[in-house]
C-alpha atoms as a PDB file:
ATOM      1  CA  MET A   1      -1.022  11.696 -17.019  1.00  0.00           C
ATOM      2  CA  LEU A   2      -0.263   8.069 -16.312  1.00  0.00           C
ATOM      3  CA  THR A   3      -3.027   5.670 -17.268  1.00  0.00           C
ATOM      4  CA  ARG A   4      -3.599   1.973 -16.817  1.00  0.00           C
ATOM      5  CA  ARG A   5      -3.017   1.478 -20.556  1.00  0.00           C
ATOM      6  CA  HIS A   6       0.706   1.893 -19.887  1.00  0.00           C
ATOM      7  CA  PHE A   7       0.987  -1.369 -18.019  1.00  0.00           C
ATOM      8  CA  ILE A   8      -2.035  -3.652 -18.392  1.00  0.00           C
ATOM      9  CA  ALA A   9      -1.623  -6.690 -20.615  1.00  0.00           C
ATOM     10  CA  THR A  10      -4.747  -8.129 -22.234  1.00  0.00           C
ATOM     11  CA  GLY A  11      -5.713 -11.783 -22.368  1.00  0.00           C
ATOM     12  CA  ALA A  12      -6.638 -14.561 -19.995  1.00  0.00           C
ATOM     13  CA  ALA A  13      -3.634 -13.878 -17.773  1.00  0.00           C
ATOM     14  CA  LEU A  14      -3.837 -10.177 -17.007  1.00  0.00           C
ATOM     15  CA  PHE A  15      -0.790  -8.315 -15.749  1.00  0.00           C
ATOM     16  CA  SER A  16      -2.938 -10.371 -14.820  1.00  0.00           C
ATOM     17  CA  ALA A  17      -4.039   6.225   3.854  1.00  0.00           C
ATOM     18  CA  PRO A  18      -3.747   8.369   5.367  1.00  0.00           C
ATOM     19  CA  ILE A  19      -1.237  11.089   4.507  1.00  0.00           C
ATOM     20  CA  SER A  20       1.290  11.281   7.289  1.00  0.00           C
ATOM     21  CA  ASN A  21       4.340  13.152   8.481  1.00  0.00           C
ATOM     22  CA  PRO A  22       7.436  11.179   9.489  1.00  0.00           C
ATOM     23  CA  VAL A  23       7.835  11.170  13.249  1.00  0.00           C
ATOM     24  CA  PHE A  24      11.252  10.593  14.740  1.00  0.00           C
ATOM     25  CA  ALA A  25      10.205   9.631  18.247  1.00  0.00           C
ATOM     26  CA  ASN A  26      12.632   8.696  20.981  1.00  0.00           C
ATOM     27  CA  SER A  27      10.963   5.344  21.569  1.00  0.00           C
ATOM     28  CA  TRP A  28      10.577   2.606  18.983  1.00  0.00           C
ATOM     29  CA  PRO A  29       9.343  -0.964  19.406  1.00  0.00           C
ATOM     30  CA  THR A  30      11.940  -3.602  20.145  1.00  0.00           C
ATOM     31  CA  ALA A  31      12.553  -6.514  17.797  1.00  0.00           C
ATOM     32  CA  SER A  32      10.597  -8.797  20.121  1.00  0.00           C
ATOM     33  CA  GLN A  33       7.664  -6.376  20.259  1.00  0.00           C
ATOM     34  CA  LYS A  34       7.584  -6.111  16.471  1.00  0.00           C
ATOM     35  CA  ALA A  35       7.688  -9.888  16.160  1.00  0.00           C
ATOM     36  CA  ALA A  36       4.784 -10.184  18.612  1.00  0.00           C
ATOM     37  CA  TRP A  37       2.729  -7.653  16.633  1.00  0.00           C
ATOM     38  CA  ASP A  38       3.558  -9.427  13.368  1.00  0.00           C
ATOM     39  CA  ALA A  39       2.211 -12.635  14.871  1.00  0.00           C
ATOM     40  CA  GLN A  40      -0.897 -10.800  16.050  1.00  0.00           C
ATOM     41  CA  VAL A  41      -1.780  -9.531  12.554  1.00  0.00           C
ATOM     42  CA  THR A  42      -0.864 -12.741  10.718  1.00  0.00           C
ATOM     43  CA  PRO A  43      -3.482 -15.529  10.656  1.00  0.00           C
ATOM     44  CA  ALA A  44      -2.560 -18.958  11.965  1.00  0.00           C
ATOM     45  CA  SER A  45      -1.282 -21.259   9.182  1.00  0.00           C
ATOM     46  CA  PHE A  46      -1.132 -18.185   6.954  1.00  0.00           C
ATOM     47  CA  ASP A  47      -1.204 -18.797   3.209  1.00  0.00           C
ATOM     48  CA  LEU A  48      -0.673 -15.624   1.186  1.00  0.00           C
ATOM     49  CA  GLU A  49      -3.086 -16.509  -1.614  1.00  0.00           C
ATOM     50  CA  THR A  50      -5.907 -18.178   0.341  1.00  0.00           C
ATOM     51  CA  SER A  51      -6.049 -16.963   3.958  1.00  0.00           C
ATOM     52  CA  ASN A  52      -8.900 -14.499   4.403  1.00  0.00           C
ATOM     53  CA  PRO A  53     -10.079 -13.996   7.987  1.00  0.00           C
ATOM     54  CA  TRP A  54     -10.669 -10.330   7.096  1.00  0.00           C
ATOM     55  CA  GLY A  55     -13.543 -11.134   4.730  1.00  0.00           C
ATOM     56  CA  VAL A  56     -12.119  -9.161   1.793  1.00  0.00           C
ATOM     57  CA  GLN A  57     -13.503  -9.963  -1.659  1.00  0.00           C
ATOM     58  CA  PRO A  58     -11.656 -13.023  -3.005  1.00  0.00           C
ATOM     59  CA  ARG A  59     -10.385 -11.145  -6.065  1.00  0.00           C
ATOM     60  CA  PHE A  60      -8.325  -8.929  -3.758  1.00  0.00           C
ATOM     61  CA  LEU A  61      -6.318 -11.805  -2.328  1.00  0.00           C
ATOM     62  CA  PRO A  62      -2.706 -11.878  -3.556  1.00  0.00           C
ATOM     63  CA  ARG A  63      -2.058 -13.750  -6.775  1.00  0.00           C
ATOM     64  CA  ARG A  64       0.906 -14.221  -9.097  1.00  0.00           C
ATOM     65  CA  VAL A  65       0.017 -13.020 -12.611  1.00  0.00           C
ATOM     66  CA  GLU A  66       1.640 -12.454 -15.988  1.00  0.00           C
ATOM     67  CA  ALA A  67       3.314  -9.073 -16.498  1.00  0.00           C
ATOM     68  CA  ARG A  68       3.658  -7.204 -19.756  1.00  0.00           C
ATOM     69  CA  ALA A  69       7.100  -7.489 -21.325  1.00  0.00           C
ATOM     70  CA  GLY A  70       9.461  -4.603 -20.673  1.00  0.00           C
ATOM     71  CA  LEU A  71       8.410  -3.699 -17.139  1.00  0.00           C
ATOM     72  CA  THR A  72      11.256  -3.302 -14.656  1.00  0.00           C
ATOM     73  CA  PRO A  73      11.549  -5.967 -11.951  1.00  0.00           C
ATOM     74  CA  GLY A  74      11.240  -4.435  -8.510  1.00  0.00           C
ATOM     75  CA  ASP A  75       8.919  -1.617  -9.549  1.00  0.00           C
ATOM     76  CA  ILE A  76       5.398  -1.165  -8.200  1.00  0.00           C
ATOM     77  CA  HIS A  77       2.339  -0.298 -10.298  1.00  0.00           C
ATOM     78  CA  VAL A  78      -0.972   0.706  -8.698  1.00  0.00           C
ATOM     79  CA  ASP A  79      -4.162   0.297 -10.734  1.00  0.00           C
ATOM     80  CA  ALA A  80      -6.562   2.732  -9.098  1.00  0.00           C
ATOM     81  CA  VAL A  81      -9.591   1.490 -11.059  1.00  0.00           C
ATOM     82  CA  ALA A  82      -9.311  -2.226 -10.316  1.00  0.00           C
ATOM     83  CA  ARG A  83      -7.691  -1.504  -6.894  1.00  0.00           C
ATOM     84  CA  TYR A  84      -4.633  -3.654  -7.494  1.00  0.00           C
ATOM     85  CA  LEU A  85      -0.978  -3.170  -6.650  1.00  0.00           C
ATOM     86  CA  TYR A  86       1.500  -5.101  -8.817  1.00  0.00           C
ATOM     87  CA  HIS A  87       5.065  -5.811  -7.740  1.00  0.00           C
ATOM     88  CA  ILE A  88       7.070  -6.756 -10.846  1.00  0.00           C
ATOM     89  CA  GLU A  89       9.204  -9.892 -10.572  1.00  0.00           C
ATOM     90  CA  GLU A  90      11.993 -11.384 -12.639  1.00  0.00           C
ATOM     91  CA  GLY A  91      10.869 -13.757 -15.380  1.00  0.00           C
ATOM     92  CA  GLY A  92       7.781 -11.936 -16.622  1.00  0.00           C
ATOM     93  CA  THR A  93       5.512 -12.251 -13.598  1.00  0.00           C
ATOM     94  CA  ALA A  94       4.110  -9.894 -10.999  1.00  0.00           C
ATOM     95  CA  MET A  95       2.628 -10.382  -7.569  1.00  0.00           C
ATOM     96  CA  ARG A  96      -0.784  -8.722  -7.415  1.00  0.00           C
ATOM     97  CA  TYR A  97      -2.362  -7.462  -4.185  1.00  0.00           C
ATOM     98  CA  GLY A  98      -5.707  -5.849  -3.458  1.00  0.00           C
ATOM     99  CA  VAL A  99      -5.532  -2.281  -2.135  1.00  0.00           C
ATOM    100  CA  ALA A 100      -7.653   0.651  -1.061  1.00  0.00           C
ATOM    101  CA  ILE A 101      -6.930   4.095  -2.472  1.00  0.00           C
ATOM    102  CA  ALA A 102      -7.767   7.661  -1.492  1.00  0.00           C
ATOM    103  CA  ARG A 103     -11.221   9.148  -1.296  1.00  0.00           C
ATOM    104  CA  GLY A 104     -12.414  11.641  -3.913  1.00  0.00           C
ATOM    105  CA  ASN A 105      -9.741  13.960  -5.296  1.00  0.00           C
ATOM    106  CA  LEU A 106      -7.166  13.041  -2.649  1.00  0.00           C
ATOM    107  CA  TYR A 107      -5.672  10.306  -4.844  1.00  0.00           C
ATOM    108  CA  GLU A 108      -2.529  11.604  -6.595  1.00  0.00           C
ATOM    109  CA  PRO A 109      -1.461   9.745  -9.770  1.00  0.00           C
ATOM    110  CA  GLY A 110       2.215  10.067 -10.530  1.00  0.00           C
ATOM    111  CA  THR A 111       5.660   8.501 -10.565  1.00  0.00           C
ATOM    112  CA  TYR A 112       7.363   8.199  -7.193  1.00  0.00           C
ATOM    113  CA  THR A 113      10.556   6.802  -5.704  1.00  0.00           C
ATOM    114  CA  ILE A 114      10.538   4.727  -2.533  1.00  0.00           C
ATOM    115  CA  ARG A 115      13.244   6.325  -0.411  1.00  0.00           C
ATOM    116  CA  ARG A 116      12.285   5.120   3.065  1.00  0.00           C
ATOM    117  CA  LYS A 117      10.835   1.929   4.559  1.00  0.00           C
ATOM    118  CA  VAL A 118       9.695   1.476   8.157  1.00  0.00           C
ATOM    119  CA  GLU A 119       8.485  -1.515  10.143  1.00  0.00           C
ATOM    120  CA  TRP A 120       5.723  -0.583  12.603  1.00  0.00           C
ATOM    121  CA  PRO A 121       5.908   3.161  11.915  1.00  0.00           C
ATOM    122  CA  HIS A 122       4.602   6.116  13.879  1.00  0.00           C
ATOM    123  CA  TRP A 123       1.834   8.217  12.322  1.00  0.00           C
ATOM    124  CA  THR A 124       0.953  11.895  12.660  1.00  0.00           C
ATOM    125  CA  PRO A 125      -2.011  13.335  10.735  1.00  0.00           C
ATOM    126  CA  THR A 126      -1.427  16.559   8.850  1.00  0.00           C
ATOM    127  CA  LYS A 127      -3.357  19.716   9.674  1.00  0.00           C
ATOM    128  CA  SER A 128      -5.512  19.277   6.567  1.00  0.00           C
ATOM    129  CA  MET A 129      -6.332  15.718   7.594  1.00  0.00           C
ATOM    130  CA  ILE A 130      -7.477  16.896  11.009  1.00  0.00           C
ATOM    131  CA  GLU A 131      -9.634  19.555   9.375  1.00  0.00           C
ATOM    132  CA  ARG A 132     -11.321  16.891   7.236  1.00  0.00           C
ATOM    133  CA  ASN A 133     -11.458  14.330  10.036  1.00  0.00           C
ATOM    134  CA  PRO A 134     -11.702  16.045  13.446  1.00  0.00           C
ATOM    135  CA  GLU A 135     -11.479  12.665  15.201  1.00  0.00           C
ATOM    136  CA  TYR A 136      -7.790  12.602  14.200  1.00  0.00           C
ATOM    137  CA  ALA A 137      -7.104  15.530  16.550  1.00  0.00           C
ATOM    138  CA  GLU A 138      -6.262  13.137  19.375  1.00  0.00           C
ATOM    139  CA  PHE A 139      -3.228  12.082  17.337  1.00  0.00           C
ATOM    140  CA  GLU A 140      -1.981  15.573  16.467  1.00  0.00           C
ATOM    141  CA  ASN A 141       1.211  14.821  18.404  1.00  0.00           C
ATOM    142  CA  GLY A 142       1.570  11.389  16.858  1.00  0.00           C
ATOM    143  CA  GLN A 143       0.186   7.878  17.191  1.00  0.00           C
ATOM    144  CA  GLU A 144       2.489   5.251  18.611  1.00  0.00           C
ATOM    145  CA  PRO A 145       3.278   2.108  16.581  1.00  0.00           C
ATOM    146  CA  GLY A 146       1.094  -0.946  16.994  1.00  0.00           C
ATOM    147  CA  PRO A 147      -1.701  -2.963  15.375  1.00  0.00           C
ATOM    148  CA  ARG A 148      -4.167  -0.062  15.747  1.00  0.00           C
ATOM    149  CA  ASN A 149      -1.825   2.517  14.195  1.00  0.00           C
ATOM    150  CA  ALA A 150      -3.212   4.060  10.988  1.00  0.00           C
ATOM    151  CA  LEU A 151      -0.092   3.053   9.012  1.00  0.00           C
ATOM    152  CA  GLY A 152      -0.280  -0.508  10.274  1.00  0.00           C
ATOM    153  CA  SER A 153       2.684  -2.847  10.274  1.00  0.00           C
ATOM    154  CA  ARG A 154       4.779  -1.526   7.394  1.00  0.00           C
ATOM    155  CA  ALA A 155       5.101   1.685   5.377  1.00  0.00           C
ATOM    156  CA  LEU A 156       6.829   2.500   2.089  1.00  0.00           C
ATOM    157  CA  TYR A 157       7.465   6.254   1.794  1.00  0.00           C
ATOM    158  CA  LEU A 158       6.933   7.881  -1.605  1.00  0.00           C
ATOM    159  CA  PHE A 159       9.197  10.711  -2.730  1.00  0.00           C
ATOM    160  CA  VAL A 160       9.511  12.919  -5.804  1.00  0.00           C
ATOM    161  CA  GLY A 161      13.225  13.504  -6.125  1.00  0.00           C
ATOM    162  CA  GLN A 162      14.358  14.199  -2.556  1.00  0.00           C
ATOM    163  CA  ARG A 163      10.969  15.609  -1.518  1.00  0.00           C
ATOM    164  CA  ASP A 164       8.772  13.525   0.753  1.00  0.00           C
ATOM    165  CA  THR A 165       5.241  13.650  -0.648  1.00  0.00           C
ATOM    166  CA  TYR A 166       3.715  12.354   2.630  1.00  0.00           C
ATOM    167  CA  LEU A 167       2.115   9.616   0.515  1.00  0.00           C
ATOM    168  CA  ARG A 168       2.647   6.049   1.656  1.00  0.00           C
ATOM    169  CA  ILE A 169       1.943   2.479   0.676  1.00  0.00           C
ATOM    170  CA  HIS A 170       1.107   0.998   4.054  1.00  0.00           C
ATOM    171  CA  GLY A 171      -0.735  -1.578   6.087  1.00  0.00           C
ATOM    172  CA  THR A 172      -4.107  -0.802   7.611  1.00  0.00           C
ATOM    173  CA  PRO A 173      -6.045  -1.994  10.658  1.00  0.00           C
ATOM    174  CA  GLN A 174      -9.174  -1.488   8.509  1.00  0.00           C
ATOM    175  CA  ALA A 175      -8.765  -4.486   6.223  1.00  0.00           C
ATOM    176  CA  ARG A 176     -12.403  -4.335   5.125  1.00  0.00           C
ATOM    177  CA  SER A 177     -11.619  -1.068   3.319  1.00  0.00           C
ATOM    178  CA  ILE A 178      -9.556  -3.004   0.741  1.00  0.00           C
ATOM    179  CA  GLY A 179     -11.101  -2.575  -2.688  1.00  0.00           C
ATOM    180  CA  GLY A 180     -12.590   0.810  -1.867  1.00  0.00           C
ATOM    181  CA  ARG A 181     -11.705   4.490  -1.724  1.00  0.00           C
ATOM    182  CA  ALA A 182     -11.051   5.082   1.928  1.00  0.00           C
ATOM    183  CA  SER A 183      -7.775   6.822   2.704  1.00  0.00           C
ATOM    184  CA  SER A 184      -6.656  10.444   2.782  1.00  0.00           C
ATOM    185  CA  GLY A 185      -4.113   9.966   0.013  1.00  0.00           C
ATOM    186  CA  CYS A 186      -2.200   6.749   0.568  1.00  0.00           C
ATOM    187  CA  VAL A 187      -2.461   3.215  -0.768  1.00  0.00           C
ATOM    188  CA  ARG A 188      -3.643   0.744   1.877  1.00  0.00           C
ATOM    189  CA  MET A 189      -2.904  -2.971   2.092  1.00  0.00           C
ATOM    190  CA  VAL A 190      -3.837  -5.820   4.419  1.00  0.00           C
ATOM    191  CA  MET A 191      -1.077  -5.932   7.033  1.00  0.00           C
ATOM    192  CA  ALA A 192      -0.208  -9.594   6.468  1.00  0.00           C
ATOM    193  CA  HIS A 193       0.107  -8.823   2.745  1.00  0.00           C
ATOM    194  CA  ILE A 194       2.391  -5.815   3.036  1.00  0.00           C
ATOM    195  CA  ASN A 195       4.497  -7.752   5.544  1.00  0.00           C
ATOM    196  CA  GLU A 196       5.188 -10.247   2.747  1.00  0.00           C
ATOM    197  CA  LEU A 197       5.788  -7.523   0.147  1.00  0.00           C
ATOM    198  CA  TYR A 198       7.968  -5.281   2.312  1.00  0.00           C
ATOM    199  CA  PRO A 199      11.290  -7.193   2.211  1.00  0.00           C
ATOM    200  CA  ARG A 200      10.976  -7.574  -1.564  1.00  0.00           C
ATOM    201  CA  VAL A 201      10.860  -3.815  -2.177  1.00  0.00           C
ATOM    202  CA  ALA A 202      14.228  -2.098  -2.461  1.00  0.00           C
ATOM    203  CA  ILE A 203      15.007   1.484  -1.541  1.00  0.00           C
ATOM    204  CA  GLY A 204      15.132   3.356  -4.841  1.00  0.00           C
ATOM    205  CA  ALA A 205      12.357   1.330  -6.482  1.00  0.00           C
ATOM    206  CA  THR A 206       9.837   3.245  -8.571  1.00  0.00           C
ATOM    207  CA  ALA A 207       6.128   3.297  -7.749  1.00  0.00           C
ATOM    208  CA  PHE A 208       3.687   4.238 -10.516  1.00  0.00           C
ATOM    209  CA  LEU A 209       0.238   5.355  -9.356  1.00  0.00           C
ATOM    210  CA  TYR A 210      -2.117   5.354 -12.326  1.00  0.00           C
ATOM    211  CA  SER A 211      -5.141   7.555 -12.864  1.00  0.00           C
ATOM    212  CA  ALA A 212      -8.398   6.511 -11.212  1.00  0.00           C
ATOM    213  CA  GLU A 213     -10.273   8.275 -13.998  1.00  0.00           C
ATOM    214  CA  ASP A 214      -9.042   5.978 -16.773  1.00  0.00           C
ATOM    215  CA  SER A 215     -11.966   3.957 -18.134  1.00  0.00           C
ATOM    216  CA  VAL A 216     -10.146   0.764 -19.131  1.00  0.00           C
ATOM    217  CA  THR A 217     -11.793  -2.251 -17.521  1.00  0.00           C
ATOM    218  CA  ALA A 218      -9.472  -4.696 -15.803  1.00  0.00           C
ATOM    219  CA  ARG A 219      -9.981  -8.437 -16.293  1.00  0.00           C
ATOM    220  CA  SER A 220      -8.478 -11.223 -14.249  1.00  0.00           C
END
C-alpha cells in the first residue's frame, strides 16, 4: 500500500467528492457562461496564496514548497493525513493545496492516471451514493454544471488503465469542508484553487493517493 513515507521530505521545507458517473449531456455551458462562473467563484483581486474569503484554515492555502528529489514533474501526490495535494514542478518544487478527502472507508489509496479533464462538469450520483445520501436522489438523472454543482468548476478524472474509477479530483461549492473527510470518494479542492491547477495538469499524468492510515506526522 502506498504511504506518505514514499514522498514526504523532512526538514524545515517539507515537500514542504463525490463519486460520479460521466454524463454526456446534449447541452454544455458556452465559453461566456463558463467565464462568468469562473468570475463568480474567484475572489476580487485574487491572490492564490493569500485570498481566503472561504474561511479555510490558513495552512490549507496554496503554497510553493520543496519537493523530494526524484519525483516526476507533472505528477500529483495526495497526502490523506495532512490533507494536502502536491503538484510536482520542474526544478525541485511543488505547489501544495489543501483538500478534503472521503469519509470513513470510502477513501481509496492507489495509483491512478488522469485520462479526462472537464471544465464545469455535469455530475450524477451513483446508486450507492444515493443509498448513503437519500438527498442526492433529486440528481439521479444528473446535475447541470454551475457553481452549485457537486463537482464544482473543474474535474480531473482518475483511471486505472482504461477503466474509469469514478474517482475525481474536483472543485467543491463546500469550501469549508477543506481539511476534513467529507466526500464520497473523491478529493475536493477550493474552486479558485483547482481553476489555477487545472491547466497545469496534463492528460496522462499520474495521481498518487496515499493511505490515510499512515501515522507519519506532516510538518510545514
